[in-house]
């Protein structure tokens, strides 16, 4: 249930990724938990922050996994001269 927040203009202050309280509560519910209270949500937030301490490494990996422009060219069908 992530929302798409990027505009076509890619403004500098746009959010690339966000997790809302609603997202966390939905996951807790799927796990059979009651809705999380403030203290539990605070612990979850701290855990997520700890897990994302190396967010720049995650971003680098995502960028490295992008197909190169050369690979995109190879995926395109060559034009045929046959008529």
N, C-alpha and C. Protein backbone atom coordinates (compact mmCIF):
# COMPACT_ATOMS: atom_id res chain seq x y z
N UNK A 1 0.81 -1.20 0.00
CA UNK A 1 0.00 0.00 0.00
C UNK A 1 0.85 1.26 0.00
N UNK A 2 2.03 1.17 -0.55
CA UNK A 2 2.86 2.36 -0.69
C UNK A 2 2.20 3.29 -1.68
N UNK A 3 2.35 4.55 -1.44
CA UNK A 3 1.79 5.51 -2.37
C UNK A 3 2.90 6.05 -3.26
N UNK A 4 2.53 6.38 -4.46
CA UNK A 4 3.49 6.93 -5.42
C UNK A 4 3.59 8.42 -5.15
N UNK A 5 4.78 8.87 -4.80
CA UNK A 5 4.92 10.27 -4.43
C UNK A 5 5.79 11.06 -5.40
N UNK A 6 6.38 10.42 -6.38
CA UNK A 6 7.26 11.13 -7.30
C UNK A 6 6.47 11.77 -8.43
N UNK A 7 6.79 13.02 -8.69
CA UNK A 7 6.18 13.68 -9.84
C UNK A 7 7.07 13.47 -11.05
N UNK A 8 6.56 13.76 -12.19
CA UNK A 8 7.34 13.64 -13.42
C UNK A 8 8.53 14.60 -13.44
N UNK A 9 8.44 15.69 -12.66
CA UNK A 9 9.50 16.70 -12.64
C UNK A 9 10.64 16.35 -11.70
N UNK A 10 10.48 15.35 -10.84
CA UNK A 10 11.49 14.95 -9.85
C UNK A 10 12.04 16.14 -9.08
N UNK A 11 11.18 16.76 -8.30
CA UNK A 11 11.58 17.89 -7.47
C UNK A 11 12.52 17.40 -6.37
N UNK A 12 13.47 18.23 -5.96
CA UNK A 12 14.50 17.88 -4.99
C UNK A 12 13.93 17.41 -3.65
N UNK A 13 12.79 17.94 -3.21
CA UNK A 13 12.26 17.64 -1.89
C UNK A 13 11.21 16.53 -1.87
N UNK A 14 11.06 15.79 -2.97
CA UNK A 14 10.07 14.72 -3.01
C UNK A 14 10.52 13.52 -2.19
N UNK A 15 9.56 12.84 -1.60
CA UNK A 15 9.84 11.65 -0.79
C UNK A 15 9.97 10.45 -1.71
N UNK A 16 11.03 9.67 -1.52
CA UNK A 16 11.26 8.48 -2.34
C UNK A 16 10.60 7.26 -1.69
N UNK A 17 10.61 7.20 -0.36
CA UNK A 17 10.07 6.04 0.33
C UNK A 17 9.54 6.48 1.68
N UNK A 18 8.40 5.96 2.08
CA UNK A 18 7.82 6.27 3.38
C UNK A 18 7.04 5.08 3.90
N UNK A 19 7.05 4.91 5.20
CA UNK A 19 6.24 3.89 5.86
C UNK A 19 5.35 4.63 6.86
N UNK A 20 4.05 4.46 6.71
CA UNK A 20 3.12 5.16 7.60
C UNK A 20 2.72 4.27 8.77
N UNK A 21 2.11 4.89 9.76
CA UNK A 21 1.55 4.15 10.89
C UNK A 21 0.54 3.12 10.37
N UNK A 22 -0.24 3.51 9.37
CA UNK A 22 -1.22 2.59 8.78
C UNK A 22 -0.53 1.34 8.23
N UNK A 23 0.60 1.52 7.54
CA UNK A 23 1.33 0.37 7.00
C UNK A 23 1.76 -0.57 8.12
N UNK A 24 2.32 0.00 9.18
CA UNK A 24 2.79 -0.82 10.31
C UNK A 24 1.62 -1.53 10.97
N UNK A 25 0.52 -0.83 11.17
CA UNK A 25 -0.65 -1.45 11.81
C UNK A 25 -1.21 -2.58 10.94
N UNK A 26 -1.19 -2.42 9.63
CA UNK A 26 -1.67 -3.49 8.74
C UNK A 26 -0.79 -4.72 8.87
N UNK A 27 0.51 -4.52 8.94
CA UNK A 27 1.43 -5.65 9.09
C UNK A 27 1.20 -6.32 10.43
N UNK A 28 1.03 -5.53 11.49
CA UNK A 28 0.76 -6.09 12.82
C UNK A 28 -0.52 -6.92 12.79
N UNK A 29 -1.54 -6.41 12.13
CA UNK A 29 -2.81 -7.13 12.03
C UNK A 29 -2.64 -8.45 11.29
N UNK A 30 -1.89 -8.43 10.20
CA UNK A 30 -1.64 -9.66 9.43
C UNK A 30 -0.87 -10.68 10.26
N UNK A 31 -0.11 -10.19 11.23
CA UNK A 31 0.65 -11.07 12.12
C UNK A 31 -0.20 -11.56 13.29
N UNK A 32 -1.48 -11.14 13.33
CA UNK A 32 -2.38 -11.57 14.39
C UNK A 32 -2.28 -10.71 15.64
N UNK A 33 -1.67 -9.54 15.54
CA UNK A 33 -1.50 -8.65 16.68
C UNK A 33 -2.67 -7.69 16.79
N UNK A 34 -2.92 -7.24 17.99
CA UNK A 34 -3.85 -6.14 18.21
C UNK A 34 -3.17 -4.88 17.67
N UNK A 35 -3.94 -3.81 17.45
CA UNK A 35 -3.30 -2.56 17.03
C UNK A 35 -2.21 -2.16 18.03
N UNK A 36 -1.09 -1.70 17.50
CA UNK A 36 0.03 -1.32 18.35
C UNK A 36 -0.26 -0.02 19.08
N UNK A 37 0.19 0.05 20.33
CA UNK A 37 0.03 1.30 21.08
C UNK A 37 1.24 2.19 20.82
N UNK A 38 1.26 3.35 21.46
CA UNK A 38 2.33 4.32 21.21
C UNK A 38 3.72 3.73 21.49
N UNK A 39 3.87 3.10 22.65
CA UNK A 39 5.18 2.55 23.02
C UNK A 39 5.64 1.48 22.04
N UNK A 40 4.72 0.62 21.61
CA UNK A 40 5.07 -0.41 20.63
C UNK A 40 5.45 0.21 19.29
N UNK A 41 4.67 1.21 18.87
CA UNK A 41 4.95 1.87 17.59
C UNK A 41 6.29 2.59 17.66
N UNK A 42 6.60 3.19 18.81
CA UNK A 42 7.88 3.86 19.00
C UNK A 42 9.03 2.85 18.87
N UNK A 43 8.85 1.64 19.43
CA UNK A 43 9.87 0.60 19.31
C UNK A 43 10.03 0.15 17.87
N UNK A 44 8.90 0.02 17.16
CA UNK A 44 8.97 -0.35 15.74
C UNK A 44 9.70 0.73 14.96
N UNK A 45 9.39 1.99 15.22
CA UNK A 45 10.05 3.09 14.53
C UNK A 45 11.56 3.05 14.78
N UNK A 46 11.95 2.82 16.02
CA UNK A 46 13.38 2.73 16.34
C UNK A 46 14.03 1.57 15.61
N UNK A 47 13.34 0.43 15.52
CA UNK A 47 13.87 -0.73 14.81
C UNK A 47 14.04 -0.46 13.33
N UNK A 48 13.06 0.21 12.74
CA UNK A 48 13.15 0.55 11.31
C UNK A 48 14.30 1.52 11.08
N UNK A 49 14.42 2.52 11.94
CA UNK A 49 15.52 3.47 11.81
C UNK A 49 16.86 2.75 11.92
N UNK A 50 16.98 1.84 12.87
CA UNK A 50 18.22 1.08 13.04
C UNK A 50 18.49 0.26 11.78
N UNK A 51 17.44 -0.37 11.25
CA UNK A 51 17.60 -1.20 10.06
C UNK A 51 17.97 -0.40 8.83
N UNK A 52 17.65 0.88 8.84
CA UNK A 52 17.95 1.73 7.68
C UNK A 52 19.14 2.64 7.91
N UNK A 53 19.94 2.35 8.94
CA UNK A 53 21.14 3.15 9.19
C UNK A 53 22.03 3.22 7.95
N UNK A 54 22.02 2.18 7.18
CA UNK A 54 22.87 2.13 5.99
C UNK A 54 22.03 2.30 4.72
N UNK A 55 21.07 3.22 4.80
CA UNK A 55 20.15 3.43 3.69
C UNK A 55 20.90 3.82 2.42
N UNK A 56 22.02 4.51 2.54
CA UNK A 56 22.73 4.90 1.32
C UNK A 56 23.28 3.68 0.60
N UNK A 57 23.65 2.63 1.34
CA UNK A 57 24.09 1.39 0.70
C UNK A 57 22.93 0.74 -0.05
N UNK A 58 21.74 0.81 0.53
CA UNK A 58 20.54 0.25 -0.12
C UNK A 58 20.26 1.00 -1.41
N UNK A 59 20.37 2.33 -1.36
CA UNK A 59 20.14 3.14 -2.56
C UNK A 59 21.19 2.83 -3.62
N UNK A 60 22.47 2.72 -3.21
CA UNK A 60 23.52 2.37 -4.18
C UNK A 60 23.23 1.03 -4.86
N UNK A 61 22.80 0.05 -4.06
CA UNK A 61 22.49 -1.27 -4.62
C UNK A 61 21.33 -1.18 -5.61
N UNK A 62 20.31 -0.41 -5.25
CA UNK A 62 19.17 -0.25 -6.16
C UNK A 62 19.60 0.41 -7.46
N UNK A 63 20.49 1.39 -7.37
CA UNK A 63 20.98 2.07 -8.58
C UNK A 63 21.83 1.11 -9.40
N UNK A 64 22.69 0.34 -8.74
CA UNK A 64 23.53 -0.62 -9.46
C UNK A 64 22.68 -1.68 -10.17
N UNK A 65 21.51 -1.99 -9.63
CA UNK A 65 20.64 -3.01 -10.22
C UNK A 65 19.79 -2.48 -11.37
N UNK A 66 19.86 -1.19 -11.62
CA UNK A 66 19.14 -0.63 -12.77
C UNK A 66 19.79 -1.14 -14.05
N UNK A 67 18.99 -1.42 -15.06
CA UNK A 67 19.62 -1.81 -16.32
C UNK A 67 20.38 -0.61 -16.89
N UNK A 68 21.54 -0.88 -17.46
CA UNK A 68 22.29 0.21 -18.07
C UNK A 68 21.59 0.64 -19.35
N UNK A 69 21.91 1.81 -19.80
CA UNK A 69 21.30 2.28 -21.05
C UNK A 69 21.66 1.35 -22.20
N UNK A 70 22.85 0.77 -22.16
CA UNK A 70 23.27 -0.18 -23.18
C UNK A 70 22.39 -1.43 -23.15
N UNK A 71 22.07 -1.92 -21.94
CA UNK A 71 21.21 -3.09 -21.82
C UNK A 71 19.83 -2.79 -22.36
N UNK A 72 19.30 -1.58 -22.11
CA UNK A 72 17.99 -1.20 -22.64
C UNK A 72 17.98 -1.26 -24.15
N UNK A 73 19.08 -0.80 -24.78
CA UNK A 73 19.17 -0.82 -26.24
C UNK A 73 19.14 -2.26 -26.76
N UNK A 74 19.80 -3.16 -26.04
CA UNK A 74 19.85 -4.55 -26.47
C UNK A 74 18.48 -5.22 -26.37
N UNK A 75 17.62 -4.74 -25.45
CA UNK A 75 16.32 -5.35 -25.27
C UNK A 75 15.35 -4.97 -26.38
N UNK A 76 15.61 -3.86 -27.06
CA UNK A 76 14.72 -3.42 -28.13
C UNK A 76 14.89 -4.31 -29.35
N UNK A 77 13.77 -4.58 -30.02
CA UNK A 77 13.79 -5.38 -31.23
C UNK A 77 14.47 -4.59 -32.34
N UNK A 78 15.39 -5.20 -33.05
CA UNK A 78 16.00 -4.50 -34.19
C UNK A 78 14.98 -4.28 -35.29
N UNK A 79 15.10 -3.14 -35.96
CA UNK A 79 14.19 -2.86 -37.05
C UNK A 79 14.53 -3.76 -38.23
N UNK A 80 13.51 -4.24 -38.88
CA UNK A 80 13.70 -5.13 -40.01
C UNK A 80 13.65 -4.33 -41.32
N UNK A 81 14.54 -4.68 -42.22
CA UNK A 81 14.56 -4.03 -43.54
C UNK A 81 13.64 -4.77 -44.50
N UNK A 82 13.11 -5.92 -44.07
CA UNK A 82 12.26 -6.72 -44.95
C UNK A 82 10.89 -6.08 -45.08
N UNK A 83 10.34 -6.14 -46.26
CA UNK A 83 8.99 -5.63 -46.49
C UNK A 83 8.17 -6.62 -47.23
